[in-house]
Amino acid sequence: MIDIVPNGSGLPGIEQLRVIVGAVMTIGLILAVLALIIAAVAWGYGANSSNPHLASRGKLGVLVACGAALICGASVTLVNFFWGVGQSV
């Protein structure tokens, strides 16, 4: 039986890579909030100006921004979940 686990100190630069990934997640969440604000403004403007195309694009933008935030926030949990599933195979 072979038992291999991730080694957090096996290569130089692992800690710096964790810092970089955390920073990229933060940037992703900030951009998701910005996209949500812009899409909500477009949705509101389209709804109030009787422009159904702009309103529907704003709705889609809100959904995409929320999905992006969900994926950024849940990425570590998703990877850990699938790592556990892979280990049980």
C-alpha atoms as a PDB file:
ATOM      1  CA  MET A   1       0.000   0.000   0.000  1.00  0.00           C
ATOM      2  CA  ILE A   2       1.299   3.428  -0.949  1.00  0.00           C
ATOM      3  CA  ASP A   3       0.381   6.391   1.238  1.00  0.00           C
ATOM      4  CA  ILE A   4       1.309   9.779  -0.223  1.00  0.00           C
ATOM      5  CA  VAL A   5       0.096  13.071   1.204  1.00  0.00           C
ATOM      6  CA  PRO A   6       0.721  16.658   0.073  1.00  0.00           C
ATOM      7  CA  ASN A   7       4.003  18.027   1.383  1.00  0.00           C
ATOM      8  CA  GLY A   8       3.714  21.684   2.344  1.00  0.00           C
ATOM      9  CA  SER A   9       7.453  22.152   2.820  1.00  0.00           C
ATOM     10  CA  GLY A  10       8.905  19.966   0.064  1.00  0.00           C
ATOM     11  CA  LEU A  11       9.679  22.755  -2.394  1.00  0.00           C
ATOM     12  CA  PRO A  12      11.040  26.246  -1.875  1.00  0.00           C
ATOM     13  CA  GLY A  13       8.526  29.004  -2.472  1.00  0.00           C
ATOM     14  CA  ILE A  14       5.415  27.134  -1.317  1.00  0.00           C
ATOM     15  CA  GLU A  15       4.593  29.745   1.319  1.00  0.00           C
ATOM     16  CA  GLN A  16       5.017  32.576  -1.206  1.00  0.00           C
ATOM     17  CA  LEU A  17       2.728  30.702  -3.598  1.00  0.00           C
ATOM     18  CA  ARG A  18       0.072  30.474  -0.870  1.00  0.00           C
ATOM     19  CA  VAL A  19       0.346  34.227  -0.329  1.00  0.00           C
ATOM     20  CA  ILE A  20       0.009  34.864  -4.065  1.00  0.00           C
ATOM     21  CA  VAL A  21      -3.043  32.599  -4.366  1.00  0.00           C
ATOM     22  CA  GLY A  22      -4.659  34.360  -1.394  1.00  0.00           C
ATOM     23  CA  ALA A  23      -4.008  37.730  -3.006  1.00  0.00           C
ATOM     24  CA  VAL A  24      -5.510  36.559  -6.309  1.00  0.00           C
ATOM     25  CA  MET A  25      -8.605  35.325  -4.439  1.00  0.00           C
ATOM     26  CA  THR A  26      -8.928  38.735  -2.797  1.00  0.00           C
ATOM     27  CA  ILE A  27      -8.633  40.501  -6.144  1.00  0.00           C
ATOM     28  CA  GLY A  28     -11.235  38.136  -7.609  1.00  0.00           C
ATOM     29  CA  LEU A  29     -13.682  38.922  -4.816  1.00  0.00           C
ATOM     30  CA  ILE A  30     -13.119  42.671  -5.157  1.00  0.00           C
ATOM     31  CA  LEU A  31     -13.703  42.462  -8.916  1.00  0.00           C
ATOM     32  CA  ALA A  32     -16.862  40.395  -8.331  1.00  0.00           C
ATOM     33  CA  VAL A  33     -18.219  43.131  -6.053  1.00  0.00           C
ATOM     34  CA  LEU A  34     -17.366  45.777  -8.651  1.00  0.00           C
ATOM     35  CA  ALA A  35     -19.045  43.741 -11.392  1.00  0.00           C
ATOM     36  CA  LEU A  36     -22.106  43.264  -9.185  1.00  0.00           C
ATOM     37  CA  ILE A  37     -22.411  47.015  -8.616  1.00  0.00           C
ATOM     38  CA  ILE A  38     -22.004  47.824 -12.313  1.00  0.00           C
ATOM     39  CA  ALA A  39     -24.490  45.137 -13.371  1.00  0.00           C
ATOM     40  CA  ALA A  40     -27.037  46.257 -10.781  1.00  0.00           C
ATOM     41  CA  VAL A  41     -26.762  49.841 -12.032  1.00  0.00           C
ATOM     42  CA  ALA A  42     -27.213  48.648 -15.630  1.00  0.00           C
ATOM     43  CA  TRP A  43     -30.203  46.535 -14.593  1.00  0.00           C
ATOM     44  CA  GLY A  44     -31.813  49.444 -12.777  1.00  0.00           C
ATOM     45  CA  TYR A  45     -31.121  51.892 -15.581  1.00  0.00           C
ATOM     46  CA  GLY A  46     -32.486  49.470 -18.169  1.00  0.00           C
ATOM     47  CA  ALA A  47     -35.617  48.791 -16.141  1.00  0.00           C
ATOM     48  CA  ASN A  48     -36.315  52.484 -15.548  1.00  0.00           C
ATOM     49  CA  SER A  49     -35.608  53.579 -19.109  1.00  0.00           C
ATOM     50  CA  SER A  50     -37.826  50.885 -20.694  1.00  0.00           C
ATOM     51  CA  ASN A  51     -34.813  49.199 -22.270  1.00  0.00           C
ATOM     52  CA  PRO A  52     -35.420  45.453 -21.892  1.00  0.00           C
ATOM     53  CA  HIS A  53     -32.115  44.479 -23.523  1.00  0.00           C
ATOM     54  CA  LEU A  54     -30.073  46.505 -21.036  1.00  0.00           C
ATOM     55  CA  ALA A  55     -32.185  45.243 -18.134  1.00  0.00           C
ATOM     56  CA  SER A  56     -31.699  41.612 -19.154  1.00  0.00           C
ATOM     57  CA  ARG A  57     -27.953  42.132 -19.591  1.00  0.00           C
ATOM     58  CA  GLY A  58     -27.845  43.689 -16.134  1.00  0.00           C
ATOM     59  CA  LYS A  59     -29.679  40.683 -14.670  1.00  0.00           C
ATOM     60  CA  LEU A  60     -27.232  38.335 -16.350  1.00  0.00           C
ATOM     61  CA  GLY A  61     -24.334  40.410 -15.045  1.00  0.00           C
ATOM     62  CA  VAL A  62     -25.667  40.176 -11.493  1.00  0.00           C
ATOM     63  CA  LEU A  63     -25.920  36.390 -11.789  1.00  0.00           C
ATOM     64  CA  VAL A  64     -22.426  36.098 -13.265  1.00  0.00           C
ATOM     65  CA  ALA A  65     -20.926  38.328 -10.556  1.00  0.00           C
ATOM     66  CA  CYS A  66     -22.629  36.304  -7.820  1.00  0.00           C
ATOM     67  CA  GLY A  67     -21.419  33.077  -9.432  1.00  0.00           C
ATOM     68  CA  ALA A  68     -17.867  34.404  -9.617  1.00  0.00           C
ATOM     69  CA  ALA A  69     -17.951  35.381  -5.949  1.00  0.00           C
ATOM     70  CA  LEU A  70     -19.347  31.955  -5.068  1.00  0.00           C
ATOM     71  CA  ILE A  71     -16.576  30.190  -6.952  1.00  0.00           C
ATOM     72  CA  CYS A  72     -13.843  32.429  -5.477  1.00  0.00           C
ATOM     73  CA  GLY A  73     -15.142  31.921  -1.972  1.00  0.00           C
ATOM     74  CA  ALA A  74     -15.746  28.195  -2.277  1.00  0.00           C
ATOM     75  CA  SER A  75     -12.671  27.283  -4.319  1.00  0.00           C
ATOM     76  CA  VAL A  76     -10.626  25.954  -1.399  1.00  0.00           C
ATOM     77  CA  THR A  77     -13.584  23.979  -0.052  1.00  0.00           C
ATOM     78  CA  LEU A  78     -14.355  22.555  -3.501  1.00  0.00           C
ATOM     79  CA  VAL A  79     -10.763  21.456  -4.047  1.00  0.00           C
ATOM     80  CA  ASN A  80     -10.624  19.882  -0.586  1.00  0.00           C
ATOM     81  CA  PHE A  81     -13.931  18.095  -1.209  1.00  0.00           C
ATOM     82  CA  PHE A  82     -12.779  16.627  -4.507  1.00  0.00           C
ATOM     83  CA  TRP A  83      -9.400  15.762  -2.983  1.00  0.00           C
ATOM     84  CA  GLY A  84     -11.272  13.746  -0.360  1.00  0.00           C
ATOM     85  CA  VAL A  85     -13.411  12.083  -3.036  1.00  0.00           C
ATOM     86  CA  GLY A  86     -10.284  11.220  -4.979  1.00  0.00           C
ATOM     87  CA  GLN A  87      -8.638   9.750  -1.896  1.00  0.00           C
ATOM     88  CA  SER A  88     -11.628   7.493  -1.252  1.00  0.00           C
ATOM     89  CA  VAL A  89     -11.560   5.959  -4.738  1.00  0.00           C
END
